[in-house]
């Protein structure tokens, strides 16, 4: 990975971490690189894997698979991808990508099921 791409990724992760801290996740932090046993890009507490992507081209299937592997590595319950939305600098306007399975699990846990 080039230093320019690494800096772009770091800046995006920092944007997301700051948003999370301001919106109910005060202990959010960027994770240190973990090599082959990647645990995701952001730590907010047990059970969650946050994978951040700042790429020109969206690669949803590839990124969801990566988040699933990281979820397994971290022994977490939920994994999802936060992808940079072109032309949107506000962290809250970025894409949050997950499987339908993850979405329904989160909604059930939040009390939205019958």
N, C-alpha and C. Protein backbone atom coordinates (compact mmCIF):
# COMPACT_ATOMS: atom_id res chain seq x y z
N UNK A 1 0.85 -1.17 0.00
CA UNK A 1 0.00 0.00 0.00
C UNK A 1 0.90 1.24 0.00
N UNK A 2 0.58 2.18 -0.85
CA UNK A 2 1.38 3.40 -0.93
C UNK A 2 1.15 4.27 0.30
N UNK A 3 2.10 5.15 0.59
CA UNK A 3 1.96 6.04 1.75
C UNK A 3 0.78 6.99 1.57
N UNK A 4 0.50 7.36 0.30
CA UNK A 4 -0.65 8.23 0.02
C UNK A 4 -1.95 7.50 0.36
N UNK A 5 -2.08 6.23 -0.05
CA UNK A 5 -3.28 5.46 0.25
C UNK A 5 -3.41 5.20 1.74
N UNK A 6 -2.29 4.93 2.40
CA UNK A 6 -2.32 4.70 3.84
C UNK A 6 -2.80 5.96 4.57
N UNK A 7 -2.29 7.12 4.15
CA UNK A 7 -2.71 8.39 4.77
C UNK A 7 -4.20 8.65 4.53
N UNK A 8 -4.68 8.32 3.34
CA UNK A 8 -6.10 8.49 3.01
C UNK A 8 -6.96 7.60 3.90
N UNK A 9 -6.51 6.35 4.10
CA UNK A 9 -7.24 5.42 4.97
C UNK A 9 -7.23 5.87 6.42
N UNK A 10 -6.08 6.33 6.89
CA UNK A 10 -5.95 6.82 8.26
C UNK A 10 -6.87 8.01 8.50
N UNK A 11 -6.89 8.94 7.55
CA UNK A 11 -7.75 10.12 7.69
C UNK A 11 -9.23 9.73 7.74
N UNK A 12 -9.63 8.77 6.92
CA UNK A 12 -11.02 8.34 6.91
C UNK A 12 -11.37 7.62 8.22
N UNK A 13 -10.50 6.74 8.69
CA UNK A 13 -10.74 6.06 9.96
C UNK A 13 -10.86 7.07 11.10
N UNK A 14 -10.01 8.09 11.10
CA UNK A 14 -10.06 9.12 12.14
C UNK A 14 -11.37 9.90 12.07
N UNK A 15 -11.84 10.22 10.86
CA UNK A 15 -13.13 10.88 10.69
C UNK A 15 -14.25 10.04 11.31
N UNK A 16 -14.23 8.74 11.04
CA UNK A 16 -15.26 7.83 11.57
C UNK A 16 -15.15 7.72 13.09
N UNK A 17 -13.94 7.58 13.61
CA UNK A 17 -13.75 7.49 15.07
C UNK A 17 -14.29 8.75 15.75
N UNK A 18 -13.98 9.91 15.23
CA UNK A 18 -14.46 11.15 15.83
C UNK A 18 -15.98 11.22 15.81
N UNK A 19 -16.60 10.77 14.72
CA UNK A 19 -18.05 10.73 14.64
C UNK A 19 -18.62 9.79 15.71
N UNK A 20 -18.03 8.61 15.81
CA UNK A 20 -18.50 7.64 16.81
C UNK A 20 -18.39 8.19 18.22
N UNK A 21 -17.28 8.84 18.52
CA UNK A 21 -17.09 9.43 19.86
C UNK A 21 -18.16 10.47 20.16
N UNK A 22 -18.53 11.24 19.14
CA UNK A 22 -19.54 12.29 19.31
C UNK A 22 -20.97 11.75 19.34
N UNK A 23 -21.14 10.45 19.00
CA UNK A 23 -22.49 9.88 18.89
C UNK A 23 -22.66 8.60 19.70
N UNK A 24 -22.14 8.62 20.92
CA UNK A 24 -22.45 7.53 21.85
C UNK A 24 -21.40 6.45 22.03
N UNK A 25 -20.25 6.57 21.39
CA UNK A 25 -19.18 5.59 21.53
C UNK A 25 -17.91 6.32 21.99
N UNK A 26 -17.88 6.79 23.25
CA UNK A 26 -16.78 7.65 23.72
C UNK A 26 -15.41 6.97 23.72
N UNK A 27 -15.37 5.65 23.71
CA UNK A 27 -14.09 4.93 23.76
C UNK A 27 -13.63 4.44 22.38
N UNK A 28 -14.28 4.90 21.32
CA UNK A 28 -13.90 4.48 19.97
C UNK A 28 -12.44 4.86 19.70
N UNK A 29 -11.72 3.93 19.08
CA UNK A 29 -10.33 4.19 18.72
C UNK A 29 -9.92 3.35 17.53
N UNK A 30 -8.93 3.85 16.81
CA UNK A 30 -8.37 3.09 15.69
C UNK A 30 -7.57 1.94 16.27
N UNK A 31 -7.70 0.78 15.65
CA UNK A 31 -6.93 -0.39 16.08
C UNK A 31 -5.55 -0.37 15.45
N UNK A 32 -4.60 -0.97 16.15
CA UNK A 32 -3.27 -1.17 15.58
C UNK A 32 -3.36 -2.29 14.55
N UNK A 33 -2.53 -2.23 13.53
CA UNK A 33 -2.51 -3.30 12.53
C UNK A 33 -2.17 -4.62 13.19
N UNK A 34 -2.87 -5.68 12.79
CA UNK A 34 -2.69 -6.99 13.43
C UNK A 34 -2.21 -8.06 12.46
N UNK A 35 -1.73 -7.69 11.30
CA UNK A 35 -1.20 -8.66 10.35
C UNK A 35 -2.27 -9.58 9.80
N UNK A 36 -1.98 -10.88 9.76
CA UNK A 36 -2.90 -11.83 9.14
C UNK A 36 -4.16 -12.05 9.95
N UNK A 37 -4.14 -11.75 11.23
CA UNK A 37 -5.33 -11.90 12.06
C UNK A 37 -5.96 -10.54 12.33
N UNK A 38 -6.27 -9.83 11.25
CA UNK A 38 -6.86 -8.50 11.33
C UNK A 38 -8.15 -8.55 12.14
N UNK A 39 -8.31 -7.57 13.03
CA UNK A 39 -9.47 -7.50 13.91
C UNK A 39 -10.40 -6.34 13.57
N UNK A 40 -10.19 -5.73 12.39
CA UNK A 40 -10.99 -4.58 11.99
C UNK A 40 -10.22 -3.30 12.21
N UNK A 41 -10.78 -2.18 11.76
CA UNK A 41 -10.08 -0.90 11.81
C UNK A 41 -10.38 -0.08 13.06
N UNK A 42 -11.57 -0.28 13.62
CA UNK A 42 -11.99 0.56 14.76
C UNK A 42 -12.50 -0.34 15.88
N UNK A 43 -12.12 0.02 17.09
CA UNK A 43 -12.59 -0.66 18.29
C UNK A 43 -13.57 0.27 19.01
N UNK A 44 -14.78 -0.24 19.28
CA UNK A 44 -15.75 0.53 20.05
C UNK A 44 -16.16 -0.22 21.30
N UNK A 45 -15.72 -1.44 21.42
CA UNK A 45 -16.07 -2.29 22.54
C UNK A 45 -16.26 -3.70 22.04
N UNK A 46 -16.48 -4.64 22.94
CA UNK A 46 -16.59 -6.04 22.53
C UNK A 46 -17.80 -6.27 21.62
N UNK A 47 -17.63 -7.17 20.68
CA UNK A 47 -18.74 -7.60 19.85
C UNK A 47 -18.89 -6.92 18.51
N UNK A 48 -18.15 -5.82 18.27
CA UNK A 48 -18.32 -5.09 17.02
C UNK A 48 -17.01 -4.99 16.25
N UNK A 49 -17.10 -5.23 14.95
CA UNK A 49 -15.96 -5.05 14.05
C UNK A 49 -16.35 -3.99 13.03
N UNK A 50 -15.55 -2.93 12.98
CA UNK A 50 -15.75 -1.82 12.04
C UNK A 50 -14.63 -1.86 11.02
N UNK A 51 -14.95 -2.05 9.77
CA UNK A 51 -13.96 -2.04 8.69
C UNK A 51 -14.21 -0.79 7.85
N UNK A 52 -13.21 0.08 7.71
CA UNK A 52 -13.37 1.33 6.98
C UNK A 52 -12.69 1.24 5.61
N UNK A 53 -13.37 1.75 4.59
CA UNK A 53 -12.84 1.71 3.23
C UNK A 53 -12.99 3.08 2.57
N UNK A 54 -11.88 3.59 2.07
CA UNK A 54 -11.89 4.85 1.33
C UNK A 54 -11.26 4.57 -0.04
N UNK A 55 -12.07 4.04 -0.94
CA UNK A 55 -11.62 3.66 -2.28
C UNK A 55 -12.50 4.32 -3.33
N UNK A 56 -11.94 4.53 -4.48
CA UNK A 56 -12.68 5.11 -5.59
C UNK A 56 -13.81 4.18 -6.04
N UNK A 57 -13.51 2.88 -6.08
CA UNK A 57 -14.47 1.89 -6.56
C UNK A 57 -15.01 1.08 -5.39
N UNK A 58 -16.33 0.94 -5.32
CA UNK A 58 -16.94 0.15 -4.26
C UNK A 58 -16.82 -1.34 -4.59
N UNK A 59 -16.35 -2.11 -3.63
CA UNK A 59 -16.19 -3.57 -3.78
C UNK A 59 -16.94 -4.24 -2.63
N UNK A 60 -18.26 -4.14 -2.68
CA UNK A 60 -19.09 -4.54 -1.55
C UNK A 60 -18.89 -5.99 -1.13
N UNK A 61 -18.94 -6.93 -2.05
CA UNK A 61 -18.80 -8.35 -1.70
C UNK A 61 -17.46 -8.61 -1.04
N UNK A 62 -16.41 -8.08 -1.62
CA UNK A 62 -15.06 -8.27 -1.09
C UNK A 62 -14.96 -7.69 0.33
N UNK A 63 -15.51 -6.53 0.53
CA UNK A 63 -15.41 -5.87 1.83
C UNK A 63 -16.25 -6.56 2.90
N UNK A 64 -17.43 -7.03 2.51
CA UNK A 64 -18.28 -7.77 3.47
C UNK A 64 -17.58 -9.06 3.89
N UNK A 65 -16.93 -9.74 2.94
CA UNK A 65 -16.17 -10.95 3.27
C UNK A 65 -15.02 -10.62 4.22
N UNK A 66 -14.35 -9.52 3.98
CA UNK A 66 -13.25 -9.10 4.85
C UNK A 66 -13.75 -8.81 6.26
N UNK A 67 -14.87 -8.11 6.37
CA UNK A 67 -15.45 -7.83 7.69
C UNK A 67 -15.87 -9.11 8.40
N UNK A 68 -16.39 -10.08 7.64
CA UNK A 68 -16.79 -11.36 8.23
C UNK A 68 -15.58 -12.10 8.80
N UNK A 69 -14.47 -12.08 8.07
CA UNK A 69 -13.24 -12.73 8.54
C UNK A 69 -12.72 -12.04 9.79
N UNK A 70 -12.75 -10.71 9.78
CA UNK A 70 -12.28 -9.94 10.94
C UNK A 70 -13.19 -10.16 12.14
N UNK A 71 -14.48 -10.29 11.90
CA UNK A 71 -15.43 -10.59 12.97
C UNK A 71 -15.06 -11.92 13.62
N UNK A 72 -14.75 -12.90 12.80
CA UNK A 72 -14.33 -14.21 13.30
C UNK A 72 -13.01 -14.08 14.09
N UNK A 73 -12.04 -13.36 13.53
CA UNK A 73 -10.75 -13.17 14.21
C UNK A 73 -10.91 -12.51 15.57
N UNK A 74 -11.85 -11.56 15.66
CA UNK A 74 -12.06 -10.80 16.89
C UNK A 74 -13.05 -11.47 17.83
N UNK A 75 -13.60 -12.62 17.42
CA UNK A 75 -14.63 -13.30 18.20
C UNK A 75 -15.77 -12.33 18.53
N UNK A 76 -16.16 -11.55 17.51
CA UNK A 76 -17.20 -10.54 17.66
C UNK A 76 -18.55 -11.08 17.20
N UNK A 77 -19.60 -10.36 17.51
CA UNK A 77 -20.94 -10.78 17.10
C UNK A 77 -21.43 -10.08 15.84
N UNK A 78 -20.91 -8.87 15.57
CA UNK A 78 -21.36 -8.11 14.41
C UNK A 78 -20.18 -7.47 13.70
N UNK A 79 -20.21 -7.51 12.37
CA UNK A 79 -19.19 -6.84 11.58
C UNK A 79 -19.84 -6.09 10.42
N UNK A 80 -19.32 -4.94 10.13
CA UNK A 80 -19.85 -4.14 9.04
C UNK A 80 -18.76 -3.25 8.47
N UNK A 81 -19.09 -2.65 7.33
CA UNK A 81 -18.15 -1.82 6.59
C UNK A 81 -18.67 -0.39 6.57
N UNK A 82 -17.77 0.56 6.79
CA UNK A 82 -18.08 1.96 6.59
C UNK A 82 -17.28 2.38 5.36
N UNK A 83 -17.97 2.75 4.29
CA UNK A 83 -17.32 3.09 3.02
C UNK A 83 -17.49 4.57 2.72
N UNK A 84 -16.42 5.16 2.24
CA UNK A 84 -16.42 6.57 1.86
C UNK A 84 -17.42 6.83 0.75
N UNK A 85 -18.25 7.82 0.95
CA UNK A 85 -19.23 8.24 -0.05
C UNK A 85 -18.67 9.47 -0.75
N UNK A 86 -18.39 9.34 -2.00
CA UNK A 86 -17.78 10.43 -2.78
C UNK A 86 -18.60 11.71 -2.70
N UNK A 87 -17.91 12.81 -2.47
CA UNK A 87 -18.57 14.11 -2.41
C UNK A 87 -19.20 14.43 -1.07
N UNK A 88 -19.04 13.54 -0.10
CA UNK A 88 -19.63 13.76 1.22
C UNK A 88 -18.53 13.74 2.28
N UNK A 89 -18.27 14.88 2.88
CA UNK A 89 -17.22 14.98 3.87
C UNK A 89 -17.68 14.72 5.30
N UNK A 90 -18.98 14.78 5.53
CA UNK A 90 -19.54 14.53 6.86
C UNK A 90 -19.53 13.03 7.13
N UNK A 91 -18.94 12.62 8.24
CA UNK A 91 -18.85 11.19 8.56
C UNK A 91 -20.22 10.53 8.61
N UNK A 92 -21.22 11.23 9.09
CA UNK A 92 -22.55 10.66 9.21
C UNK A 92 -23.22 10.36 7.87
N UNK A 93 -22.67 10.87 6.78
CA UNK A 93 -23.24 10.63 5.46
C UNK A 93 -22.53 9.50 4.69
N UNK A 94 -21.60 8.81 5.35
CA UNK A 94 -20.90 7.72 4.67
C UNK A 94 -21.79 6.48 4.63
N UNK A 95 -21.43 5.53 3.80
CA UNK A 95 -22.20 4.29 3.68
C UNK A 95 -21.88 3.34 4.83
N UNK A 96 -22.90 2.75 5.42
CA UNK A 96 -22.76 1.67 6.38
C UNK A 96 -23.28 0.41 5.69
N UNK A 97 -22.41 -0.55 5.47
CA UNK A 97 -22.74 -1.73 4.67
C UNK A 97 -22.68 -2.97 5.55
N UNK A 98 -23.73 -3.78 5.48
CA UNK A 98 -23.78 -5.03 6.24
C UNK A 98 -24.71 -5.98 5.53
N UNK A 99 -24.66 -7.22 5.93
CA UNK A 99 -25.58 -8.20 5.37
C UNK A 99 -26.97 -8.00 5.99
N UNK A 100 -27.96 -8.53 5.34
CA UNK A 100 -29.32 -8.49 5.88
C UNK A 100 -29.36 -9.24 7.21
N UNK A 101 -28.60 -10.32 7.31
CA UNK A 101 -28.53 -11.08 8.56
C UNK A 101 -28.06 -10.19 9.71
N UNK A 102 -27.00 -9.42 9.49
CA UNK A 102 -26.49 -8.52 10.52
C UNK A 102 -27.52 -7.46 10.88
N UNK A 103 -28.15 -6.87 9.87
CA UNK A 103 -29.16 -5.85 10.11
C UNK A 103 -30.30 -6.40 10.97
N UNK A 104 -30.83 -7.56 10.62
CA UNK A 104 -31.95 -8.11 11.38
C UNK A 104 -31.53 -8.47 12.80
N UNK A 105 -30.30 -8.97 12.98
CA UNK A 105 -29.81 -9.25 14.34
C UNK A 105 -29.77 -7.97 15.17
N UNK A 106 -29.22 -6.91 14.60
CA UNK A 106 -29.13 -5.63 15.31
C UNK A 106 -30.51 -5.09 15.65
N UNK A 107 -31.43 -5.17 14.71
CA UNK A 107 -32.78 -4.67 14.96
C UNK A 107 -33.50 -5.49 16.03
N UNK A 108 -33.32 -6.81 16.01
CA UNK A 108 -33.91 -7.66 17.06
C UNK A 108 -33.33 -7.27 18.43
N UNK A 109 -32.01 -7.12 18.49
CA UNK A 109 -31.36 -6.75 19.76
C UNK A 109 -31.84 -5.39 20.26
N UNK A 110 -32.20 -4.50 19.35
CA UNK A 110 -32.69 -3.17 19.72
C UNK A 110 -34.19 -3.17 20.05
N UNK A 111 -34.84 -4.32 19.91
CA UNK A 111 -36.24 -4.43 20.29
C UNK A 111 -37.24 -4.14 19.19
N UNK A 112 -36.80 -4.17 17.93
CA UNK A 112 -37.71 -3.85 16.83
C UNK A 112 -38.45 -5.06 16.26
N UNK A 113 -38.24 -6.25 16.80
CA UNK A 113 -38.94 -7.43 16.26
C UNK A 113 -40.18 -7.71 17.10
N UNK A 114 -41.05 -8.52 16.54
CA UNK A 114 -42.31 -8.85 17.23
C UNK A 114 -42.08 -9.86 18.33
